[in-house]
Amino acid sequence: MDFLGGIIMNKPYYKSSDSLVDAVKVVNEAGEFLADSKKIEISGDVKEIVAGLVGASAGVGTGVIIVTSAAAAGTAGAAAITSGLATAGSIVGGGMLAGIFVVAAPVAILAGGGIFIASRVNKSKLRKKKEMLLQEAVRKQNKIIKKLQNEVDASGQRMESLTHLNIALRQIIERLESDLKNREKVA
């Protein structure tokens, strides 16, 4: 749990699209159970997931351009680089060493900006995936609950599998709702 702005928040359960894979597998397995009334056992790797749930660089080019542009006319190779760094360093009142930081600044700024933008886009995509998965999980859980009520004559194994899927879906729904709710508090 984190303390942020007077609000105690849980860390997200699903931090990336990759972390949603197991939840998607469970939702898909529920769909298979809903489509096939003869299916009695949860599939191999999904069974383990269900059991677990039930149990619990643009900036680099800019730096090169600055160094080569600032190099003294007629210099080449290492002389051009050191001359360019010294010229860049003189912008802030320093020499070649300061030039390294002047040249690196666009790299850091552009990389940081790129990371920030990519992070925002990825978070937006992840949020949409979570919302869609939540809707599908709720829809399938409601249908499984109806199956549990209507299939009283089904085999014990099928009823147990449906019950476990229901519990797993409930866990997924609670986690997705928590992730989405906590995101709204931060935004």
C-alpha atoms as a PDB file:
ATOM      1  CA  MET A   1       0.000   0.000   0.000  1.00  0.00           C
ATOM      2  CA  ASP A   2       1.171   3.509  -0.766  1.00  0.00           C
ATOM      3  CA  PHE A   3       0.266   6.734   0.985  1.00  0.00           C
ATOM      4  CA  LEU A   4      -0.395   9.415  -1.624  1.00  0.00           C
ATOM      5  CA  GLY A   5      -1.920  12.819  -0.919  1.00  0.00           C
ATOM      6  CA  GLY A   6      -3.746  11.623   2.175  1.00  0.00           C
ATOM      7  CA  ILE A   7      -5.183   8.598   0.354  1.00  0.00           C
ATOM      8  CA  ILE A   8      -3.970   5.101   1.137  1.00  0.00           C
ATOM      9  CA  MET A   9      -3.884   3.154  -2.114  1.00  0.00           C
ATOM     10  CA  ASN A  10      -3.170  -0.435  -3.039  1.00  0.00           C
ATOM     11  CA  LYS A  11      -0.595  -1.081  -5.714  1.00  0.00           C
ATOM     12  CA  PRO A  12      -2.186  -2.201  -8.971  1.00  0.00           C
ATOM     13  CA  TYR A  13      -2.648  -5.920  -9.507  1.00  0.00           C
ATOM     14  CA  TYR A  14      -2.285  -5.622 -13.268  1.00  0.00           C
ATOM     15  CA  LYS A  15       0.650  -3.320 -14.038  1.00  0.00           C
ATOM     16  CA  SER A  16       0.993  -4.105 -17.746  1.00  0.00           C
ATOM     17  CA  SER A  17      -0.808  -5.745 -20.647  1.00  0.00           C
ATOM     18  CA  ASP A  18       1.337  -8.832 -20.078  1.00  0.00           C
ATOM     19  CA  SER A  19       0.051  -9.112 -16.523  1.00  0.00           C
ATOM     20  CA  LEU A  20      -3.508  -9.383 -17.884  1.00  0.00           C
ATOM     21  CA  VAL A  21      -2.733 -12.595 -19.814  1.00  0.00           C
ATOM     22  CA  ASP A  22      -3.766 -14.968 -17.029  1.00  0.00           C
ATOM     23  CA  ALA A  23      -6.992 -13.051 -16.402  1.00  0.00           C
ATOM     24  CA  VAL A  24      -7.820 -13.237 -20.110  1.00  0.00           C
ATOM     25  CA  LYS A  25      -7.186 -17.002 -20.064  1.00  0.00           C
ATOM     26  CA  VAL A  26      -9.639 -17.434 -17.193  1.00  0.00           C
ATOM     27  CA  VAL A  27     -12.289 -15.299 -18.911  1.00  0.00           C
ATOM     28  CA  ASN A  28     -11.830 -17.312 -22.122  1.00  0.00           C
ATOM     29  CA  GLU A  29     -12.075 -20.582 -20.208  1.00  0.00           C
ATOM     30  CA  ALA A  30     -15.336 -19.370 -18.691  1.00  0.00           C
ATOM     31  CA  GLY A  31     -16.558 -18.702 -22.231  1.00  0.00           C
ATOM     32  CA  GLU A  32     -15.719 -22.280 -23.210  1.00  0.00           C
ATOM     33  CA  PHE A  33     -17.686 -23.611 -20.250  1.00  0.00           C
ATOM     34  CA  LEU A  34     -20.642 -21.450 -21.222  1.00  0.00           C
ATOM     35  CA  ALA A  35     -20.525 -22.634 -24.835  1.00  0.00           C
ATOM     36  CA  ASP A  36     -20.095 -26.352 -24.091  1.00  0.00           C
ATOM     37  CA  SER A  37     -22.457 -27.822 -21.505  1.00  0.00           C
ATOM     38  CA  LYS A  38     -20.562 -31.122 -21.677  1.00  0.00           C
ATOM     39  CA  LYS A  39     -17.234 -29.594 -20.615  1.00  0.00           C
ATOM     40  CA  ILE A  40     -16.488 -30.724 -17.096  1.00  0.00           C
ATOM     41  CA  GLU A  41     -12.846 -29.911 -16.371  1.00  0.00           C
ATOM     42  CA  ILE A  42     -10.854 -26.685 -16.502  1.00  0.00           C
ATOM     43  CA  SER A  43      -7.998 -26.787 -19.036  1.00  0.00           C
ATOM     44  CA  GLY A  44      -4.408 -27.479 -17.899  1.00  0.00           C
ATOM     45  CA  ASP A  45      -2.619 -24.146 -17.445  1.00  0.00           C
ATOM     46  CA  VAL A  46      -5.858 -22.316 -16.668  1.00  0.00           C
ATOM     47  CA  LYS A  47      -6.474 -24.799 -13.856  1.00  0.00           C
ATOM     48  CA  GLU A  48      -3.278 -23.554 -12.176  1.00  0.00           C
ATOM     49  CA  ILE A  49      -4.288 -19.917 -12.646  1.00  0.00           C
ATOM     50  CA  VAL A  50      -7.738 -20.594 -11.242  1.00  0.00           C
ATOM     51  CA  ALA A  51      -6.191 -22.489  -8.330  1.00  0.00           C
ATOM     52  CA  GLY A  52      -3.938 -19.510  -7.636  1.00  0.00           C
ATOM     53  CA  LEU A  53      -6.857 -17.080  -7.745  1.00  0.00           C
ATOM     54  CA  VAL A  54      -9.011 -19.273  -5.671  1.00  0.00           C
ATOM     55  CA  GLY A  55      -6.123 -19.664  -3.172  1.00  0.00           C
ATOM     56  CA  ALA A  56      -5.448 -16.092  -2.984  1.00  0.00           C
ATOM     57  CA  SER A  57      16.018   7.075 -28.666  1.00  0.00           C
ATOM     58  CA  ALA A  58      15.763  10.366 -30.680  1.00  0.00           C
ATOM     59  CA  GLY A  59      18.027  12.345 -28.320  1.00  0.00           C
ATOM     60  CA  VAL A  60      21.267  10.585 -29.325  1.00  0.00           C
ATOM     61  CA  GLY A  61      21.173  12.039 -32.858  1.00  0.00           C
ATOM     62  CA  THR A  62      20.681  15.531 -31.439  1.00  0.00           C
ATOM     63  CA  GLY A  63      23.845  15.224 -29.329  1.00  0.00           C
ATOM     64  CA  VAL A  64      25.893  14.103 -32.338  1.00  0.00           C
ATOM     65  CA  ILE A  65      24.596  17.033 -34.382  1.00  0.00           C
ATOM     66  CA  ILE A  66      25.522  19.499 -31.608  1.00  0.00           C
ATOM     67  CA  VAL A  67      29.081  18.126 -31.299  1.00  0.00           C
ATOM     68  CA  THR A  68      29.785  18.045 -35.036  1.00  0.00           C
ATOM     69  CA  SER A  69      28.158  21.427 -35.655  1.00  0.00           C
ATOM     70  CA  ALA A  70      30.131  23.066 -32.879  1.00  0.00           C
ATOM     71  CA  ALA A  71      33.470  21.604 -34.007  1.00  0.00           C
ATOM     72  CA  ALA A  72      36.052  24.072 -35.251  1.00  0.00           C
ATOM     73  CA  ALA A  73      36.128  24.405 -39.010  1.00  0.00           C
ATOM     74  CA  GLY A  74      38.681  22.172 -40.699  1.00  0.00           C
ATOM     75  CA  THR A  75      38.998  19.696 -37.835  1.00  0.00           C
ATOM     76  CA  ALA A  76      38.283  15.999 -38.158  1.00  0.00           C
ATOM     77  CA  GLY A  77      38.022  12.904 -35.980  1.00  0.00           C
ATOM     78  CA  ALA A  78      38.958  13.248 -32.316  1.00  0.00           C
ATOM     79  CA  ALA A  79      40.020  16.861 -32.826  1.00  0.00           C
ATOM     80  CA  ALA A  80      36.534  17.685 -34.122  1.00  0.00           C
ATOM     81  CA  ILE A  81      34.903  15.969 -31.166  1.00  0.00           C
ATOM     82  CA  THR A  82      37.067  17.657 -28.534  1.00  0.00           C
ATOM     83  CA  SER A  83      36.732  21.000 -30.301  1.00  0.00           C
ATOM     84  CA  GLY A  84      32.960  20.556 -30.513  1.00  0.00           C
ATOM     85  CA  LEU A  85      32.698  19.569 -26.838  1.00  0.00           C
ATOM     86  CA  ALA A  86      34.823  22.550 -25.810  1.00  0.00           C
ATOM     87  CA  THR A  87      32.630  24.885 -27.873  1.00  0.00           C
ATOM     88  CA  ALA A  88      29.469  23.361 -26.408  1.00  0.00           C
ATOM     89  CA  GLY A  89      30.963  23.686 -22.897  1.00  0.00           C
ATOM     90  CA  SER A  90      31.729  27.344 -23.454  1.00  0.00           C
ATOM     91  CA  ILE A  91      27.964  27.962 -23.694  1.00  0.00           C
ATOM     92  CA  VAL A  92      27.755  27.426 -19.941  1.00  0.00           C
ATOM     93  CA  GLY A  93      31.141  28.941 -19.142  1.00  0.00           C
ATOM     94  CA  GLY A  94      33.092  25.687 -19.046  1.00  0.00           C
ATOM     95  CA  GLY A  95      35.344  23.601 -21.200  1.00  0.00           C
ATOM     96  CA  MET A  96      35.214  20.231 -22.851  1.00  0.00           C
ATOM     97  CA  LEU A  97      33.914  18.429 -19.715  1.00  0.00           C
ATOM     98  CA  ALA A  98      31.018  20.872 -19.385  1.00  0.00           C
ATOM     99  CA  GLY A  99      30.407  20.321 -23.115  1.00  0.00           C
ATOM    100  CA  ILE A 100      29.699  16.669 -22.436  1.00  0.00           C
ATOM    101  CA  PHE A 101      26.821  17.689 -20.150  1.00  0.00           C
ATOM    102  CA  VAL A 102      25.563  20.304 -22.627  1.00  0.00           C
ATOM    103  CA  VAL A 103      25.546  17.676 -25.370  1.00  0.00           C
ATOM    104  CA  ALA A 104      23.939  15.076 -23.118  1.00  0.00           C
ATOM    105  CA  ALA A 105      21.138  17.410 -22.026  1.00  0.00           C
ATOM    106  CA  PRO A 106      19.095  17.033 -25.241  1.00  0.00           C
ATOM    107  CA  VAL A 107      19.484  13.259 -24.995  1.00  0.00           C
ATOM    108  CA  ALA A 108      18.183  13.243 -21.450  1.00  0.00           C
ATOM    109  CA  ILE A 109      15.391  15.715 -22.167  1.00  0.00           C
ATOM    110  CA  LEU A 110      14.216  14.011 -25.345  1.00  0.00           C
ATOM    111  CA  ALA A 111      14.542  10.544 -23.834  1.00  0.00           C
ATOM    112  CA  GLY A 112      12.670  11.647 -20.721  1.00  0.00           C
ATOM    113  CA  GLY A 113       9.979  13.275 -22.830  1.00  0.00           C
ATOM    114  CA  GLY A 114       9.707  10.188 -24.993  1.00  0.00           C
ATOM    115  CA  ILE A 115       9.446   7.930 -21.971  1.00  0.00           C
ATOM    116  CA  PHE A 116       6.776  10.193 -20.434  1.00  0.00           C
ATOM    117  CA  ILE A 117       4.688  10.200 -23.627  1.00  0.00           C
ATOM    118  CA  ALA A 118       5.080   6.461 -24.149  1.00  0.00           C
ATOM    119  CA  SER A 119       4.143   5.848 -20.528  1.00  0.00           C
ATOM    120  CA  ARG A 120       0.961   7.936 -20.832  1.00  0.00           C
ATOM    121  CA  VAL A 121      -0.047   6.169 -24.052  1.00  0.00           C
ATOM    122  CA  ASN A 122       0.655   2.729 -22.545  1.00  0.00           C
ATOM    123  CA  LYS A 123      -1.279   3.553 -19.375  1.00  0.00           C
ATOM    124  CA  SER A 124      -4.237   4.705 -21.449  1.00  0.00           C
ATOM    125  CA  LYS A 125      -4.175   1.514 -23.515  1.00  0.00           C
ATOM    126  CA  LEU A 126      -3.848  -0.621 -20.377  1.00  0.00           C
ATOM    127  CA  ARG A 127      -6.791   1.178 -18.769  1.00  0.00           C
ATOM    128  CA  LYS A 128      -8.962   0.495 -21.825  1.00  0.00           C
ATOM    129  CA  LYS A 129      -7.930  -3.180 -21.817  1.00  0.00           C
ATOM    130  CA  LYS A 130      -8.787  -3.417 -18.126  1.00  0.00           C
ATOM    131  CA  GLU A 131     -12.184  -1.799 -18.695  1.00  0.00           C
ATOM    132  CA  MET A 132     -13.005  -4.165 -21.571  1.00  0.00           C
ATOM    133  CA  LEU A 133     -11.803  -7.212 -19.633  1.00  0.00           C
ATOM    134  CA  LEU A 134     -13.828  -6.129 -16.602  1.00  0.00           C
ATOM    135  CA  GLN A 135     -17.005  -5.896 -18.690  1.00  0.00           C
ATOM    136  CA  GLU A 136     -16.395  -9.326 -20.214  1.00  0.00           C
ATOM    137  CA  ALA A 137     -15.557 -10.899 -16.843  1.00  0.00           C
ATOM    138  CA  VAL A 138     -18.741  -9.512 -15.271  1.00  0.00           C
ATOM    139  CA  ARG A 139     -20.818 -10.708 -18.212  1.00  0.00           C
ATOM    140  CA  LYS A 140     -19.359 -14.222 -18.052  1.00  0.00           C
ATOM    141  CA  GLN A 141     -19.561 -14.415 -14.269  1.00  0.00           C
ATOM    142  CA  ASN A 142     -23.280 -13.549 -14.403  1.00  0.00           C
ATOM    143  CA  LYS A 143     -23.829 -16.319 -16.952  1.00  0.00           C
ATOM    144  CA  ILE A 144     -21.858 -18.801 -14.851  1.00  0.00           C
ATOM    145  CA  ILE A 145     -23.972 -17.939 -11.813  1.00  0.00           C
ATOM    146  CA  LYS A 146     -27.096 -18.696 -13.877  1.00  0.00           C
ATOM    147  CA  LYS A 147     -25.523 -21.990 -15.031  1.00  0.00           C
ATOM    148  CA  LEU A 148     -24.817 -22.919 -11.416  1.00  0.00           C
ATOM    149  CA  GLN A 149     -28.464 -22.230 -10.538  1.00  0.00           C
ATOM    150  CA  ASN A 150     -29.921 -23.998 -13.594  1.00  0.00           C
ATOM    151  CA  GLU A 151     -27.599 -27.003 -13.977  1.00  0.00           C
ATOM    152  CA  VAL A 152     -28.400 -28.672 -10.682  1.00  0.00           C
ATOM    153  CA  ASP A 153     -28.329 -32.047 -12.443  1.00  0.00           C
ATOM    154  CA  ALA A 154     -24.839 -31.506 -13.910  1.00  0.00           C
ATOM    155  CA  SER A 155     -21.947 -33.731 -12.851  1.00  0.00           C
ATOM    156  CA  GLY A 156     -20.167 -32.936  -9.618  1.00  0.00           C
ATOM    157  CA  GLN A 157     -16.950 -32.184 -11.519  1.00  0.00           C
ATOM    158  CA  ARG A 158     -18.689 -29.653 -13.795  1.00  0.00           C
ATOM    159  CA  MET A 159     -20.353 -27.951 -10.829  1.00  0.00           C
ATOM    160  CA  GLU A 160     -17.016 -27.782  -9.021  1.00  0.00           C
ATOM    161  CA  SER A 161     -15.316 -26.334 -12.126  1.00  0.00           C
ATOM    162  CA  LEU A 162     -18.081 -23.753 -12.584  1.00  0.00           C
ATOM    163  CA  THR A 163     -17.814 -22.831  -8.894  1.00  0.00           C
ATOM    164  CA  HIS A 164     -14.048 -22.410  -9.169  1.00  0.00           C
ATOM    165  CA  LEU A 165     -14.439 -20.303 -12.324  1.00  0.00           C
ATOM    166  CA  ASN A 166     -17.021 -18.174 -10.539  1.00  0.00           C
ATOM    167  CA  ILE A 167     -14.605 -17.574  -7.641  1.00  0.00           C
ATOM    168  CA  ALA A 168     -11.717 -16.835 -10.033  1.00  0.00           C
ATOM    169  CA  LEU A 169     -13.847 -14.402 -12.042  1.00  0.00           C
ATOM    170  CA  ARG A 170     -14.955 -12.674  -8.847  1.00  0.00           C
ATOM    171  CA  GLN A 171     -11.290 -12.288  -7.851  1.00  0.00           C
ATOM    172  CA  ILE A 172     -10.384 -10.888 -11.298  1.00  0.00           C
ATOM    173  CA  ILE A 173     -13.342  -8.481 -11.188  1.00  0.00           C
ATOM    174  CA  GLU A 174     -12.362  -7.236  -7.722  1.00  0.00           C
ATOM    175  CA  ARG A 175      -8.754  -6.707  -8.826  1.00  0.00           C
ATOM    176  CA  LEU A 176      -9.718  -4.907 -12.026  1.00  0.00           C
ATOM    177  CA  GLU A 177     -12.171  -2.693 -10.144  1.00  0.00           C
ATOM    178  CA  SER A 178      -9.484  -1.908  -7.565  1.00  0.00           C
ATOM    179  CA  ASP A 179      -6.963  -1.022 -10.285  1.00  0.00           C
ATOM    180  CA  LEU A 180      -9.456   1.205 -12.090  1.00  0.00           C
ATOM    181  CA  LYS A 181     -10.707   2.837  -8.886  1.00  0.00           C
ATOM    182  CA  ASN A 182      -7.197   3.565  -7.594  1.00  0.00           C
ATOM    183  CA  ARG A 183      -6.247   5.076 -10.959  1.00  0.00           C
ATOM    184  CA  GLU A 184      -9.173   7.493 -10.710  1.00  0.00           C
ATOM    185  CA  LYS A 185      -7.998   8.672  -7.251  1.00  0.00           C
ATOM    186  CA  VAL A 186      -4.508   9.414  -8.570  1.00  0.00           C
ATOM    187  CA  ALA A 187      -5.623  11.180 -11.775  1.00  0.00           C
END
